[in-house]
Amino acid sequence: MPVITEGMLRKLDKEGQLEKVRITEKDILTPSAREFLNVKKIDFRIKKSQEQVVNNESANANRVKDSQANTSEEKASPKRQYKDYITGATYDKKPEFMTQLFGNELVVKNHKRIVLRGKFDILQAEVIRYWKKYEKNKKLESDFAQAYRFVRDLFISEMTDTPFQERDVLGYDIDTLKDITHNTIKYYKTGHLFEINADFDETVIDINCLRALSRECEVAAVDAFYKEGKTERVDMLKALNRLSSILYLMMLKANNGDYKS
């Protein structure tokens, strides 16, 4: 069940292949990809697969019998649909202990990439929960919306194995965010927030929970993408490092009273 993103479509557009795109009923269009196609006025109506029809009116009886024999043979030996990503083994049905990594390629459910996806899933769910909790505070709600979009884009980038597209968050590019959170005395008189405890404002405590979960995601990503001294997906590792900076900046703003009316 491939996920089709805006980045993938833009690449096809650049190569002059966008007009030929066909979306099957098994594909998933991200909202930004759907919007991109609408802007381009591209017809992305689902093209359903059609089964081959056997001609029962064939004049050649022998060919009909052969066709029926072949059909029976195919039913007895169905086409293998899944492939083990690690070993290359094929499966008629997806084993319960395995899940899809990309397309029909399977890995065991404790594969490092799947563990990472689980961490993303938890983090995304928790961001939404606190986003909902503070929706009446428009300043904080706006920052939660931006944090959520950052996490969502990271999740999609990993699942589709496509480059992460950096963008400004909370009014800063992600490298400036790092500078702010590493030089808090320069930007906030209180300096760093050490030893978060029950004496802090509830908002600071809540956002700190999300910051801790983002660290879990980052560690899981390093575990998945750092292998024998070689690093894959540097873009994602950098973005995850900056995600904790985004959430830490939100903590600093909350502690400084920036979200109060």
C-alpha atoms as a PDB file:
ATOM      1  CA  MET A   1       0.000   0.000   0.000  1.00  0.00           C
ATOM      2  CA  PRO A   2       2.417   2.730  -1.214  1.00  0.00           C
ATOM      3  CA  VAL A   3       2.110   6.267   0.149  1.00  0.00           C
ATOM      4  CA  ILE A   4       2.354   8.871  -2.635  1.00  0.00           C
ATOM      5  CA  THR A   5       3.762  12.188  -1.401  1.00  0.00           C
ATOM      6  CA  GLU A   6       3.980  15.662  -2.881  1.00  0.00           C
ATOM      7  CA  GLY A   7       7.764  15.259  -3.182  1.00  0.00           C
ATOM      8  CA  MET A   8       7.373  12.141  -5.317  1.00  0.00           C
ATOM      9  CA  LEU A   9       4.899  13.909  -7.614  1.00  0.00           C
ATOM     10  CA  ARG A  10       7.108  16.982  -7.944  1.00  0.00           C
ATOM     11  CA  LYS A  11       9.974  14.736  -9.032  1.00  0.00           C
ATOM     12  CA  LEU A  12       7.755  13.143 -11.703  1.00  0.00           C
ATOM     13  CA  ASP A  13       6.642  16.615 -12.794  1.00  0.00           C
ATOM     14  CA  LYS A  14      10.260  17.730 -13.160  1.00  0.00           C
ATOM     15  CA  GLU A  15      10.962  14.650 -15.288  1.00  0.00           C
ATOM     16  CA  GLY A  16       7.897  15.320 -17.470  1.00  0.00           C
ATOM     17  CA  GLN A  17       6.190  12.113 -16.323  1.00  0.00           C
ATOM     18  CA  LEU A  18       3.394  13.576 -14.191  1.00  0.00           C
ATOM     19  CA  GLU A  19       0.765  13.333 -16.937  1.00  0.00           C
ATOM     20  CA  LYS A  20       1.279   9.567 -17.013  1.00  0.00           C
ATOM     21  CA  VAL A  21       0.701   9.037 -13.292  1.00  0.00           C
ATOM     22  CA  ARG A  22      -1.937   6.461 -12.382  1.00  0.00           C
ATOM     23  CA  ILE A  23      -3.122   5.950  -8.821  1.00  0.00           C
ATOM     24  CA  THR A  24      -4.440   2.490  -7.964  1.00  0.00           C
ATOM     25  CA  GLU A  25      -7.032   1.704  -5.329  1.00  0.00           C
ATOM     26  CA  LYS A  26      -4.262   0.354  -3.074  1.00  0.00           C
ATOM     27  CA  ASP A  27      -2.278   3.613  -3.055  1.00  0.00           C
ATOM     28  CA  ILE A  28      -2.512   6.372  -0.424  1.00  0.00           C
ATOM     29  CA  LEU A  29      -2.361  10.041  -1.429  1.00  0.00           C
ATOM     30  CA  THR A  30      -1.105  12.441   1.259  1.00  0.00           C
ATOM     31  CA  PRO A  31      -3.222  15.622   1.568  1.00  0.00           C
ATOM     32  CA  SER A  32      -0.412  17.746   0.102  1.00  0.00           C
ATOM     33  CA  ALA A  33      -0.035  15.319  -2.833  1.00  0.00           C
ATOM     34  CA  ARG A  34      -3.770  15.469  -3.556  1.00  0.00           C
ATOM     35  CA  GLU A  35      -3.663  19.269  -3.402  1.00  0.00           C
ATOM     36  CA  PHE A  36      -0.659  19.322  -5.767  1.00  0.00           C
ATOM     37  CA  LEU A  37      -2.531  17.206  -8.323  1.00  0.00           C
ATOM     38  CA  ASN A  38      -5.587  19.443  -8.014  1.00  0.00           C
ATOM     39  CA  VAL A  39      -3.478  22.544  -8.657  1.00  0.00           C
ATOM     40  CA  LYS A  40      -1.917  20.847 -11.677  1.00  0.00           C
ATOM     41  CA  LYS A  41      -5.421  19.807 -12.812  1.00  0.00           C
ATOM     42  CA  ILE A  42      -4.248  16.216 -13.230  1.00  0.00           C
ATOM     43  CA  ASP A  43      -6.927  13.517 -13.378  1.00  0.00           C
ATOM     44  CA  PHE A  44      -5.997  11.074 -10.618  1.00  0.00           C
ATOM     45  CA  ARG A  45      -9.155   8.963 -10.746  1.00  0.00           C
ATOM     46  CA  ILE A  46      -8.518   5.508  -9.371  1.00  0.00           C
ATOM     47  CA  LYS A  47      -7.765   3.010 -12.057  1.00  0.00           C
ATOM     48  CA  LYS A  48      -9.060  -0.312 -10.815  1.00  0.00           C
ATOM     49  CA  SER A  49      -7.329  -3.483 -11.866  1.00  0.00           C
ATOM     50  CA  GLN A  50      -9.397  -5.788 -14.076  1.00  0.00           C
ATOM     51  CA  GLU A  51      -9.285  -9.537 -14.096  1.00  0.00           C
ATOM     52  CA  GLN A  52      -8.595 -11.247 -17.383  1.00  0.00           C
ATOM     53  CA  VAL A  53     -11.806 -12.629 -18.947  1.00  0.00           C
ATOM     54  CA  VAL A  54     -11.736 -16.153 -20.352  1.00  0.00           C
ATOM     55  CA  ASN A  55     -13.395 -16.425 -23.754  1.00  0.00           C
ATOM     56  CA  ASN A  56     -16.016 -19.141 -23.252  1.00  0.00           C
ATOM     57  CA  GLU A  57     -17.130 -18.881 -26.857  1.00  0.00           C
ATOM     58  CA  SER A  58     -13.851 -20.080 -28.290  1.00  0.00           C
ATOM     59  CA  ALA A  59     -14.337 -22.389 -31.244  1.00  0.00           C
ATOM     60  CA  ASN A  60     -11.308 -24.413 -30.302  1.00  0.00           C
ATOM     61  CA  ALA A  61     -12.438 -26.917 -27.651  1.00  0.00           C
ATOM     62  CA  ASN A  62      -8.901 -28.049 -26.907  1.00  0.00           C
ATOM     63  CA  ARG A  63      -7.754 -24.515 -26.145  1.00  0.00           C
ATOM     64  CA  VAL A  64     -10.716 -24.054 -23.822  1.00  0.00           C
ATOM     65  CA  LYS A  65      -9.807 -27.236 -21.965  1.00  0.00           C
ATOM     66  CA  ASP A  66      -6.185 -26.149 -21.740  1.00  0.00           C
ATOM     67  CA  SER A  67      -7.288 -22.771 -20.420  1.00  0.00           C
ATOM     68  CA  GLN A  68      -9.497 -24.429 -17.814  1.00  0.00           C
ATOM     69  CA  ALA A  69      -6.668 -26.732 -16.807  1.00  0.00           C
ATOM     70  CA  ASN A  70      -4.324 -23.787 -16.437  1.00  0.00           C
ATOM     71  CA  THR A  71      -6.921 -21.923 -14.381  1.00  0.00           C
ATOM     72  CA  SER A  72      -7.312 -24.884 -12.042  1.00  0.00           C
ATOM     73  CA  GLU A  73      -3.551 -25.116 -11.758  1.00  0.00           C
ATOM     74  CA  GLU A  74      -3.308 -21.430 -10.851  1.00  0.00           C
ATOM     75  CA  LYS A  75      -5.969 -21.864  -8.161  1.00  0.00           C
ATOM     76  CA  ALA A  76      -4.073 -24.795  -6.740  1.00  0.00           C
ATOM     77  CA  SER A  77      -0.801 -22.825  -6.769  1.00  0.00           C
ATOM     78  CA  PRO A  78      -1.666 -19.145  -6.184  1.00  0.00           C
ATOM     79  CA  LYS A  79       0.849 -16.501  -7.120  1.00  0.00           C
ATOM     80  CA  ARG A  80       3.136 -15.618  -4.233  1.00  0.00           C
ATOM     81  CA  GLN A  81       2.425 -12.065  -3.068  1.00  0.00           C
ATOM     82  CA  TYR A  82       4.966 -11.266  -0.352  1.00  0.00           C
ATOM     83  CA  LYS A  83       8.753 -11.224  -0.168  1.00  0.00           C
ATOM     84  CA  ASP A  84      11.024 -11.341   2.870  1.00  0.00           C
ATOM     85  CA  TYR A  85      13.062  -8.108   2.763  1.00  0.00           C
ATOM     86  CA  ILE A  86      16.027  -9.760   4.509  1.00  0.00           C
ATOM     87  CA  THR A  87      16.183 -13.286   3.088  1.00  0.00           C
ATOM     88  CA  GLY A  88      14.294 -12.931  -0.196  1.00  0.00           C
ATOM     89  CA  ALA A  89      11.925 -15.777   0.743  1.00  0.00           C
ATOM     90  CA  THR A  90       8.388 -15.558  -0.668  1.00  0.00           C
ATOM     91  CA  TYR A  91       5.030 -16.111   1.047  1.00  0.00           C
ATOM     92  CA  ASP A  92       1.500 -16.837  -0.151  1.00  0.00           C
ATOM     93  CA  LYS A  93       0.103 -15.104   2.938  1.00  0.00           C
ATOM     94  CA  LYS A  94       1.620 -12.534   5.267  1.00  0.00           C
ATOM     95  CA  PRO A  95       2.790 -14.278   8.458  1.00  0.00           C
ATOM     96  CA  GLU A  96       1.326 -12.810  11.648  1.00  0.00           C
ATOM     97  CA  PHE A  97       4.780 -12.064  13.071  1.00  0.00           C
ATOM     98  CA  MET A  98       5.755  -9.999  10.014  1.00  0.00           C
ATOM     99  CA  THR A  99       4.675  -6.632   8.634  1.00  0.00           C
ATOM    100  CA  GLN A 100       5.217  -4.595   5.479  1.00  0.00           C
ATOM    101  CA  LEU A 101       8.318  -2.437   5.278  1.00  0.00           C
ATOM    102  CA  PHE A 102       7.815  -1.174   1.726  1.00  0.00           C
ATOM    103  CA  GLY A 103       5.137  -2.415  -0.676  1.00  0.00           C
ATOM    104  CA  ASN A 104       4.991  -6.229  -0.510  1.00  0.00           C
ATOM    105  CA  GLU A 105       8.374  -6.546   1.223  1.00  0.00           C
ATOM    106  CA  LEU A 106       8.078  -7.980   4.731  1.00  0.00           C
ATOM    107  CA  VAL A 107      10.182  -7.812   7.889  1.00  0.00           C
ATOM    108  CA  VAL A 108       9.640  -9.207  11.381  1.00  0.00           C
ATOM    109  CA  LYS A 109       7.741  -6.815  13.628  1.00  0.00           C
ATOM    110  CA  ASN A 110      10.760  -6.148  15.839  1.00  0.00           C
ATOM    111  CA  HIS A 111      12.841  -4.936  12.879  1.00  0.00           C
ATOM    112  CA  LYS A 112      14.578  -1.665  13.785  1.00  0.00           C
ATOM    113  CA  ARG A 113      12.661   0.343  11.186  1.00  0.00           C
ATOM    114  CA  ILE A 114       9.356  -0.990  12.544  1.00  0.00           C
ATOM    115  CA  VAL A 115      10.424  -0.172  16.118  1.00  0.00           C
ATOM    116  CA  LEU A 116      11.137   3.377  14.921  1.00  0.00           C
ATOM    117  CA  ARG A 117       7.689   3.601  13.318  1.00  0.00           C
ATOM    118  CA  GLY A 118       6.164   2.535  16.615  1.00  0.00           C
ATOM    119  CA  LYS A 119       8.006   5.358  18.404  1.00  0.00           C
ATOM    120  CA  PHE A 120       6.762   7.823  15.785  1.00  0.00           C
ATOM    121  CA  ASP A 121       3.223   6.521  16.207  1.00  0.00           C
ATOM    122  CA  ILE A 122       3.309   7.086  19.984  1.00  0.00           C
ATOM    123  CA  LEU A 123       4.878  10.541  19.654  1.00  0.00           C
ATOM    124  CA  GLN A 124       2.362  11.652  17.039  1.00  0.00           C
ATOM    125  CA  ALA A 125      -0.538  10.431  19.188  1.00  0.00           C
ATOM    126  CA  GLU A 126       0.765  12.277  22.252  1.00  0.00           C
ATOM    127  CA  VAL A 127       1.337  15.525  20.336  1.00  0.00           C
ATOM    128  CA  ILE A 128      -2.280  15.364  19.158  1.00  0.00           C
ATOM    129  CA  ARG A 129      -3.493  14.713  22.709  1.00  0.00           C
ATOM    130  CA  TYR A 130      -1.774  17.787  24.146  1.00  0.00           C
ATOM    131  CA  TRP A 131      -2.644  19.838  21.060  1.00  0.00           C
ATOM    132  CA  LYS A 132      -6.309  19.093  21.827  1.00  0.00           C
ATOM    133  CA  LYS A 133      -5.832  19.845  25.521  1.00  0.00           C
ATOM    134  CA  TYR A 134      -4.540  23.357  24.822  1.00  0.00           C
ATOM    135  CA  GLU A 135      -6.679  24.212  21.788  1.00  0.00           C
ATOM    136  CA  LYS A 136      -8.308  27.164  23.579  1.00  0.00           C
ATOM    137  CA  ASN A 137      -4.892  28.808  24.010  1.00  0.00           C
ATOM    138  CA  LYS A 138      -4.435  30.064  20.440  1.00  0.00           C
ATOM    139  CA  LYS A 139      -0.719  30.874  20.795  1.00  0.00           C
ATOM    140  CA  LEU A 140       0.131  27.453  22.218  1.00  0.00           C
ATOM    141  CA  GLU A 141      -2.308  25.693  19.880  1.00  0.00           C
ATOM    142  CA  SER A 142      -0.509  27.246  16.898  1.00  0.00           C
ATOM    143  CA  ASP A 143       2.877  25.979  18.107  1.00  0.00           C
ATOM    144  CA  PHE A 144       1.466  22.496  18.738  1.00  0.00           C
ATOM    145  CA  ALA A 145       0.062  22.470  15.192  1.00  0.00           C
ATOM    146  CA  GLN A 146       3.514  23.261  13.797  1.00  0.00           C
ATOM    147  CA  ALA A 147       5.175  20.613  15.975  1.00  0.00           C
ATOM    148  CA  TYR A 148       2.600  18.059  14.843  1.00  0.00           C
ATOM    149  CA  ARG A 149       3.219  18.856  11.168  1.00  0.00           C
ATOM    150  CA  PHE A 150       6.961  18.415  11.701  1.00  0.00           C
ATOM    151  CA  VAL A 151       6.445  14.982  13.325  1.00  0.00           C
ATOM    152  CA  ARG A 152       3.934  13.924  10.650  1.00  0.00           C
ATOM    153  CA  ASP A 153       6.299  14.885   7.823  1.00  0.00           C
ATOM    154  CA  LEU A 154       9.122  12.956   9.488  1.00  0.00           C
ATOM    155  CA  PHE A 155       6.858   9.899   9.813  1.00  0.00           C
ATOM    156  CA  ILE A 156       5.886  10.042   6.127  1.00  0.00           C
ATOM    157  CA  SER A 157       9.520  10.584   5.100  1.00  0.00           C
ATOM    158  CA  GLU A 158      10.532   7.383   6.899  1.00  0.00           C
ATOM    159  CA  MET A 159       7.637   5.272   5.641  1.00  0.00           C
ATOM    160  CA  THR A 160       8.138   6.311   2.014  1.00  0.00           C
ATOM    161  CA  ASP A 161      11.951   6.375   2.257  1.00  0.00           C
ATOM    162  CA  THR A 162      12.017   9.862   0.719  1.00  0.00           C
ATOM    163  CA  PRO A 163      14.151  12.894   1.759  1.00  0.00           C
ATOM    164  CA  PHE A 164      12.838  15.064   4.590  1.00  0.00           C
ATOM    165  CA  GLN A 165      11.980  18.581   3.424  1.00  0.00           C
ATOM    166  CA  GLU A 166      13.148  21.156   5.974  1.00  0.00           C
ATOM    167  CA  ARG A 167      10.898  24.126   6.732  1.00  0.00           C
ATOM    168  CA  ASP A 168      10.704  26.936   9.298  1.00  0.00           C
ATOM    169  CA  VAL A 169       9.084  26.050  12.620  1.00  0.00           C
ATOM    170  CA  LEU A 170       7.976  28.478  15.353  1.00  0.00           C
ATOM    171  CA  GLY A 171       9.260  31.293  13.158  1.00  0.00           C
ATOM    172  CA  TYR A 172      12.815  29.963  12.772  1.00  0.00           C
ATOM    173  CA  ASP A 173      14.750  27.666  10.444  1.00  0.00           C
ATOM    174  CA  ILE A 174      15.807  24.495  12.202  1.00  0.00           C
ATOM    175  CA  ASP A 175      19.474  25.491  12.542  1.00  0.00           C
ATOM    176  CA  THR A 176      18.517  28.736  14.310  1.00  0.00           C
ATOM    177  CA  LEU A 177      16.350  26.662  16.645  1.00  0.00           C
ATOM    178  CA  LYS A 178      19.459  24.751  17.684  1.00  0.00           C
ATOM    179  CA  ASP A 179      21.321  27.997  18.402  1.00  0.00           C
ATOM    180  CA  ILE A 180      18.468  29.325  20.547  1.00  0.00           C
ATOM    181  CA  THR A 181      18.152  26.162  22.634  1.00  0.00           C
ATOM    182  CA  HIS A 182      21.925  25.920  23.132  1.00  0.00           C
ATOM    183  CA  ASN A 183      22.276  29.582  24.150  1.00  0.00           C
ATOM    184  CA  THR A 184      19.242  30.113  26.359  1.00  0.00           C
ATOM    185  CA  ILE A 185      20.791  32.862  28.475  1.00  0.00           C
ATOM    186  CA  LYS A 186      21.149  34.934  25.303  1.00  0.00           C
ATOM    187  CA  TYR A 187      17.420  34.583  24.533  1.00  0.00           C
ATOM    188  CA  TYR A 188      15.825  33.804  27.936  1.00  0.00           C
ATOM    189  CA  LYS A 189      16.962  35.236  31.258  1.00  0.00           C
ATOM    190  CA  THR A 190      16.175  32.013  33.105  1.00  0.00           C
ATOM    191  CA  GLY A 191      18.708  30.037  31.093  1.00  0.00           C
ATOM    192  CA  HIS A 192      18.316  26.275  30.764  1.00  0.00           C
ATOM    193  CA  LEU A 193      15.448  24.409  32.420  1.00  0.00           C
ATOM    194  CA  PHE A 194      17.083  21.774  34.614  1.00  0.00           C
ATOM    195  CA  GLU A 195      15.423  19.110  36.769  1.00  0.00           C
ATOM    196  CA  ILE A 196      11.822  19.567  35.651  1.00  0.00           C
ATOM    197  CA  ASN A 197       9.625  18.814  38.664  1.00  0.00           C
ATOM    198  CA  ALA A 198       6.142  19.355  40.082  1.00  0.00           C
ATOM    199  CA  ASP A 199       6.943  22.989  40.893  1.00  0.00           C
ATOM    200  CA  PHE A 200       6.942  23.883  37.201  1.00  0.00           C
ATOM    201  CA  ASP A 201       3.849  25.047  35.338  1.00  0.00           C
ATOM    202  CA  GLU A 202       1.706  22.189  33.991  1.00  0.00           C
ATOM    203  CA  THR A 203       2.322  23.336  30.411  1.00  0.00           C
ATOM    204  CA  VAL A 204       6.088  23.008  30.832  1.00  0.00           C
ATOM    205  CA  ILE A 205       5.654  19.531  32.337  1.00  0.00           C
ATOM    206  CA  ASP A 206       3.392  18.381  29.481  1.00  0.00           C
ATOM    207  CA  ILE A 207       5.716  19.612  26.732  1.00  0.00           C
ATOM    208  CA  ASN A 208       8.673  18.032  28.533  1.00  0.00           C
ATOM    209  CA  CYS A 209       6.919  14.649  28.236  1.00  0.00           C
ATOM    210  CA  LEU A 210       6.810  15.153  24.462  1.00  0.00           C
ATOM    211  CA  ARG A 211      10.464  16.199  24.416  1.00  0.00           C
ATOM    212  CA  ALA A 212      11.394  12.961  26.195  1.00  0.00           C
ATOM    213  CA  LEU A 213       9.400  10.917  23.650  1.00  0.00           C
ATOM    214  CA  SER A 214      11.159  12.737  20.816  1.00  0.00           C
ATOM    215  CA  ARG A 215      14.479  11.619  22.309  1.00  0.00           C
ATOM    216  CA  GLU A 216      13.248   8.023  22.235  1.00  0.00           C
ATOM    217  CA  CYS A 217      12.467   8.463  18.534  1.00  0.00           C
ATOM    218  CA  GLU A 218      15.918   9.881  17.898  1.00  0.00           C
ATOM    219  CA  VAL A 219      17.652   6.972  19.638  1.00  0.00           C
ATOM    220  CA  ALA A 220      15.501   4.462  17.707  1.00  0.00           C
ATOM    221  CA  ALA A 221      16.417   6.237  14.454  1.00  0.00           C
ATOM    222  CA  VAL A 222      20.142   6.065  15.243  1.00  0.00           C
ATOM    223  CA  ASP A 223      19.692   2.383  16.021  1.00  0.00           C
ATOM    224  CA  ALA A 224      18.003   1.889  12.634  1.00  0.00           C
ATOM    225  CA  PHE A 225      20.251   4.062  10.461  1.00  0.00           C
ATOM    226  CA  TYR A 226      23.725   3.802  12.021  1.00  0.00           C
ATOM    227  CA  LYS A 227      25.426   0.591  10.952  1.00  0.00           C
ATOM    228  CA  GLU A 228      29.073  -0.339  11.456  1.00  0.00           C
ATOM    229  CA  GLY A 229      30.321   3.235  11.288  1.00  0.00           C
ATOM    230  CA  LYS A 230      28.139   4.145   8.300  1.00  0.00           C
ATOM    231  CA  THR A 231      25.208   6.528   8.686  1.00  0.00           C
ATOM    232  CA  GLU A 232      22.068   6.403   6.544  1.00  0.00           C
ATOM    233  CA  ARG A 233      19.288   9.016   6.462  1.00  0.00           C
ATOM    234  CA  VAL A 234      21.377  11.859   7.870  1.00  0.00           C
ATOM    235  CA  ASP A 235      18.487  14.177   6.963  1.00  0.00           C
ATOM    236  CA  MET A 236      16.163  12.329   9.325  1.00  0.00           C
ATOM    237  CA  LEU A 237      18.683  12.119  12.157  1.00  0.00           C
ATOM    238  CA  LYS A 238      19.273  15.874  11.914  1.00  0.00           C
ATOM    239  CA  ALA A 239      15.535  16.606  11.841  1.00  0.00           C
ATOM    240  CA  LEU A 240      14.896  14.421  14.894  1.00  0.00           C
ATOM    241  CA  ASN A 241      17.651  16.235  16.777  1.00  0.00           C
ATOM    242  CA  ARG A 242      15.988  19.533  15.895  1.00  0.00           C
ATOM    243  CA  LEU A 243      12.574  18.182  16.928  1.00  0.00           C
ATOM    244  CA  SER A 244      13.737  18.076  20.545  1.00  0.00           C
ATOM    245  CA  SER A 245      14.902  21.687  20.062  1.00  0.00           C
ATOM    246  CA  ILE A 246      11.419  22.647  18.835  1.00  0.00           C
ATOM    247  CA  LEU A 247       9.794  21.145  21.909  1.00  0.00           C
ATOM    248  CA  TYR A 248      12.440  22.588  24.251  1.00  0.00           C
ATOM    249  CA  LEU A 249      11.836  26.056  22.795  1.00  0.00           C
ATOM    250  CA  MET A 250       8.115  25.581  23.492  1.00  0.00           C
ATOM    251  CA  MET A 251       9.052  24.731  27.106  1.00  0.00           C
ATOM    252  CA  LEU A 252      11.144  27.897  27.360  1.00  0.00           C
ATOM    253  CA  LYS A 253       8.294  29.988  25.963  1.00  0.00           C
ATOM    254  CA  ALA A 254       5.809  28.405  28.389  1.00  0.00           C
ATOM    255  CA  ASN A 255       8.127  28.967  31.344  1.00  0.00           C
ATOM    256  CA  ASN A 256       8.655  32.569  30.231  1.00  0.00           C
ATOM    257  CA  GLY A 257       4.900  33.216  30.109  1.00  0.00           C
ATOM    258  CA  ASP A 258       4.843  33.740  26.328  1.00  0.00           C
ATOM    259  CA  TYR A 259       1.649  31.698  25.934  1.00  0.00           C
ATOM    260  CA  LYS A 260      -0.356  33.666  28.474  1.00  0.00           C
ATOM    261  CA  SER A 261      -2.941  36.097  27.131  1.00  0.00           C
END
